[in-house]
Amino acid sequence: MNLTTAAYMSIKQDLFQAKYKPNELITEKQISEKYSISKLTASASLHRLCSEGHLTSYPRSGYMVTSLSSREMVNIKRMRVALESLVLEIIFEEANDSGIESLYANINNEFSVEASAAVSNFTFHMNLAKLTNDKTLINLIENLLGSVTRIEQHISPQMHTIWQGYHKAIIDALVAHDIQTAKEYLLKDLNQKED
């Protein structure tokens, strides 16, 4: 992996982990200093993130986390329902019980780490996707989740608790080999909104 790709991956991961806030101006100088890379490498990485829609460039000013329209949010949810239902089917057919049960650790650690609720949610859904061992599916879900996480950074403790309950119910259903119930809880989880 070359330096530009490595820098791009690091910046993208931080973006998806909500380390950059919406409306926060990000400059090439800040990125080059933070990641110990040249301004040219920073520029190439930031431009790539712009081309993927994660950042918006403001010439001679910097970059900002790209907002999503309500239509884009609806479409992302539709894609997540389809892809994450497929994830559950693959897990149901191919994953072993110990792999499924390893997901409980994510829930048990959610409140013991300083990560935001949005980041904890991202981690849970990524851990589900990783159980498929399908790199294409994992990358698609990572991009969809990252798009949402970079925007939805302020999740109430009440919503976090609701998400945690749905996450546990999804795992419980998978452990019980009940794919239909797992899908029902996934749908409930993805349809939750802040009031």
Protein backbone atom coordinates (compact mmCIF):
# COMPACT_ATOMS: atom_id res chain seq x y z
CA MET A 1 0.00 0.00 0.00
CA ASN A 2 1.48 3.36 -1.01
CA LEU A 3 1.66 6.39 1.28
CA THR A 4 -1.28 8.21 -0.34
CA THR A 5 -3.54 5.17 -0.03
CA ALA A 6 -2.48 4.63 3.59
CA ALA A 7 -3.16 8.29 4.41
CA TYR A 8 -6.52 8.16 2.62
CA MET A 9 -7.51 5.04 4.59
CA SER A 10 -6.51 6.65 7.92
CA ILE A 11 -8.39 9.86 7.21
CA LYS A 12 -11.45 7.94 5.97
CA GLN A 13 -11.46 5.76 9.09
CA ASP A 14 -11.27 8.83 11.32
CA LEU A 15 -14.07 10.42 9.31
CA PHE A 16 -16.21 7.30 9.74
CA GLN A 17 -15.39 7.20 13.44
CA ALA A 18 -16.81 10.74 13.81
CA LYS A 19 -13.45 12.34 14.61
CA TYR A 20 -14.32 15.18 12.25
CA LYS A 21 -17.50 17.10 12.94
CA PRO A 22 -19.99 18.41 10.39
CA ASN A 23 -19.23 22.05 9.53
CA GLU A 24 -15.68 21.73 10.90
CA LEU A 25 -13.19 23.19 8.44
CA ILE A 26 -10.36 20.77 7.66
CA THR A 27 -7.23 22.08 5.93
CA GLU A 28 -4.49 20.29 4.04
CA LYS A 29 -1.99 21.73 6.54
CA GLN A 30 -3.88 20.26 9.50
CA ILE A 31 -4.09 16.87 7.78
CA SER A 32 -0.41 16.86 6.79
CA GLU A 33 0.61 17.65 10.37
CA LYS A 34 -1.83 15.23 12.03
CA TYR A 35 -0.89 12.27 9.83
CA SER A 36 2.77 13.23 9.29
CA ILE A 37 2.39 13.37 5.53
CA SER A 38 3.27 15.95 2.87
CA LYS A 39 0.73 18.55 1.80
CA LEU A 40 0.68 16.88 -1.62
CA THR A 41 -0.27 13.52 -0.07
CA ALA A 42 -2.85 15.25 2.14
CA SER A 43 -4.31 17.00 -0.88
CA ALA A 44 -4.55 13.77 -2.90
CA SER A 45 -6.22 11.96 0.01
CA LEU A 46 -8.72 14.76 0.64
CA HIS A 47 -9.57 15.04 -3.05
CA ARG A 48 -10.26 11.30 -3.16
CA LEU A 49 -12.62 11.63 -0.18
CA CYS A 50 -14.33 14.50 -2.01
CA SER A 51 -14.75 12.38 -5.14
CA GLU A 52 -16.41 9.70 -3.00
CA GLY A 53 -18.77 12.27 -1.51
CA HIS A 54 -17.48 12.15 2.07
CA LEU A 55 -16.02 15.66 2.03
CA THR A 56 -16.86 18.89 0.22
CA SER A 57 -14.03 21.10 -1.01
CA TYR A 58 -14.12 24.85 -0.48
CA PRO A 59 -11.31 26.25 -2.67
CA ARG A 60 -8.67 28.24 -0.80
CA SER A 61 -10.49 27.50 2.50
CA GLY A 62 -10.46 23.77 3.15
CA TYR A 63 -12.83 20.82 3.35
CA MET A 64 -15.96 19.96 5.33
CA VAL A 65 -17.85 16.77 6.10
CA THR A 66 -20.50 16.46 3.39
CA SER A 67 -24.10 16.70 4.53
CA LEU A 68 -26.71 14.29 3.23
CA SER A 69 -30.11 15.26 1.90
CA SER A 70 -33.20 13.58 3.34
CA ARG A 71 -33.53 11.65 0.06
CA GLU A 72 -29.95 10.40 0.35
CA MET A 73 -30.61 9.31 3.94
CA VAL A 74 -33.72 7.37 2.82
CA ASN A 75 -31.76 5.68 0.03
CA ILE A 76 -28.90 4.78 2.38
CA LYS A 77 -31.40 3.22 4.77
CA ARG A 78 -32.93 1.20 1.91
CA MET A 79 -29.51 -0.04 0.84
CA ARG A 80 -28.59 -0.89 4.43
CA VAL A 81 -31.79 -2.90 4.92
CA ALA A 82 -31.07 -4.91 1.75
CA LEU A 83 -27.36 -5.44 2.38
CA GLU A 84 -27.56 -6.06 6.11
CA SER A 85 -30.42 -8.54 5.60
CA LEU A 86 -28.04 -10.36 3.25
CA VAL A 87 -25.38 -10.19 5.95
CA LEU A 88 -27.74 -11.90 8.41
CA GLU A 89 -28.55 -14.61 5.84
CA ILE A 90 -24.86 -15.30 5.25
CA ILE A 91 -24.15 -15.38 8.98
CA PHE A 92 -27.12 -17.71 9.49
CA GLU A 93 -25.87 -20.08 6.78
CA GLU A 94 -22.11 -19.91 7.31
CA ALA A 95 -21.00 -18.48 10.67
CA ASN A 96 -20.29 -20.69 13.65
CA ASP A 97 -21.89 -20.11 17.04
CA SER A 98 -18.69 -18.82 18.64
CA GLY A 99 -18.36 -16.19 15.90
CA ILE A 100 -21.94 -15.06 16.47
CA GLU A 101 -21.54 -15.06 20.24
CA SER A 102 -18.41 -12.90 19.89
CA LEU A 103 -20.77 -10.07 18.93
CA TYR A 104 -21.98 -9.89 22.55
CA ALA A 105 -18.59 -8.41 23.51
CA ASN A 106 -19.37 -5.33 21.39
CA ILE A 107 -22.60 -4.72 23.30
CA ASN A 108 -21.02 -5.36 26.69
CA ASN A 109 -18.24 -2.86 25.91
CA GLU A 110 -20.40 -0.13 24.38
CA PHE A 111 -20.77 1.85 27.58
CA SER A 112 -17.30 1.07 28.91
CA VAL A 113 -15.53 2.93 26.11
CA GLU A 114 -15.55 6.61 25.36
CA ALA A 115 -16.81 6.16 21.81
CA SER A 116 -19.99 7.94 20.89
CA ALA A 117 -23.24 6.06 20.41
CA ALA A 118 -22.93 6.55 16.65
CA VAL A 119 -19.45 5.01 16.66
CA SER A 120 -20.65 2.09 18.83
CA ASN A 121 -23.49 1.51 16.36
CA PHE A 122 -21.02 1.64 13.46
CA THR A 123 -18.80 -0.91 15.22
CA PHE A 124 -21.66 -3.34 15.88
CA HIS A 125 -22.89 -3.31 12.29
CA MET A 126 -19.34 -3.60 10.94
CA ASN A 127 -18.69 -6.58 13.21
CA LEU A 128 -21.83 -8.21 11.79
CA ALA A 129 -20.60 -7.58 8.24
CA LYS A 130 -17.13 -8.93 9.02
CA LEU A 131 -18.63 -12.28 10.02
CA THR A 132 -19.49 -12.81 6.33
CA ASN A 133 -15.81 -12.73 5.30
CA ASP A 134 -16.99 -11.07 2.07
CA LYS A 135 -14.70 -8.12 1.33
CA THR A 136 -17.02 -6.53 -1.22
CA LEU A 137 -20.00 -6.67 1.12
CA ILE A 138 -17.91 -5.39 4.03
CA ASN A 139 -16.67 -2.41 1.97
CA LEU A 140 -20.19 -1.53 0.77
CA ILE A 141 -21.56 -1.58 4.30
CA GLU A 142 -18.59 0.35 5.67
CA ASN A 143 -19.22 3.15 3.17
CA LEU A 144 -22.94 3.27 3.93
CA LEU A 145 -22.39 3.21 7.70
CA GLY A 146 -19.60 5.76 7.43
CA SER A 147 -21.83 8.11 5.48
CA VAL A 148 -24.40 8.02 8.25
CA THR A 149 -21.93 8.08 11.16
CA ARG A 150 -20.11 11.14 9.84
CA ILE A 151 -23.44 13.04 9.97
CA GLU A 152 -25.30 11.51 12.94
CA GLN A 153 -22.79 12.21 15.67
CA HIS A 154 -25.13 13.35 18.44
CA ILE A 155 -27.15 10.35 19.57
CA SER A 156 -28.99 10.54 22.87
CA PRO A 157 -28.28 8.02 25.65
CA GLN A 158 -31.90 6.85 25.30
CA MET A 159 -31.41 6.07 21.60
CA HIS A 160 -28.14 4.33 22.39
CA THR A 161 -29.96 2.10 24.89
CA ILE A 162 -32.65 1.29 22.31
CA TRP A 163 -29.97 0.43 19.73
CA GLN A 164 -28.17 -1.73 22.27
CA GLY A 165 -31.41 -3.64 22.96
CA TYR A 166 -31.98 -4.27 19.26
CA HIS A 167 -28.37 -5.33 18.77
CA LYS A 168 -28.69 -7.86 21.59
CA ALA A 169 -32.01 -9.14 20.15
CA ILE A 170 -30.38 -9.61 16.73
CA ILE A 171 -27.58 -11.67 18.26
CA ASP A 172 -30.01 -13.65 20.44
CA ALA A 173 -32.05 -14.53 17.35
CA LEU A 174 -28.96 -15.59 15.40
CA VAL A 175 -27.78 -17.75 18.32
CA ALA A 176 -31.28 -19.32 18.39
CA HIS A 177 -31.04 -19.91 14.61
CA ASP A 178 -34.10 -17.73 14.06
CA ILE A 179 -33.27 -15.69 10.94
CA GLN A 180 -36.75 -14.19 10.63
CA THR A 181 -36.63 -12.66 14.12
CA ALA A 182 -33.08 -11.43 13.50
CA LYS A 183 -34.28 -9.64 10.36
CA GLU A 184 -37.28 -8.16 12.21
CA TYR A 185 -35.00 -6.67 14.87
CA LEU A 186 -32.59 -5.41 12.22
CA LEU A 187 -35.46 -3.59 10.53
CA LYS A 188 -36.55 -2.08 13.86
CA ASP A 189 -32.96 -1.06 14.55
CA LEU A 190 -32.51 0.64 11.17
CA ASN A 191 -35.87 2.41 11.39
CA GLN A 192 -35.09 4.15 14.69
CA LYS A 193 -34.88 7.95 14.63
CA GLU A 194 -34.03 10.60 17.15
CA ASP A 195 -37.09 12.57 18.29
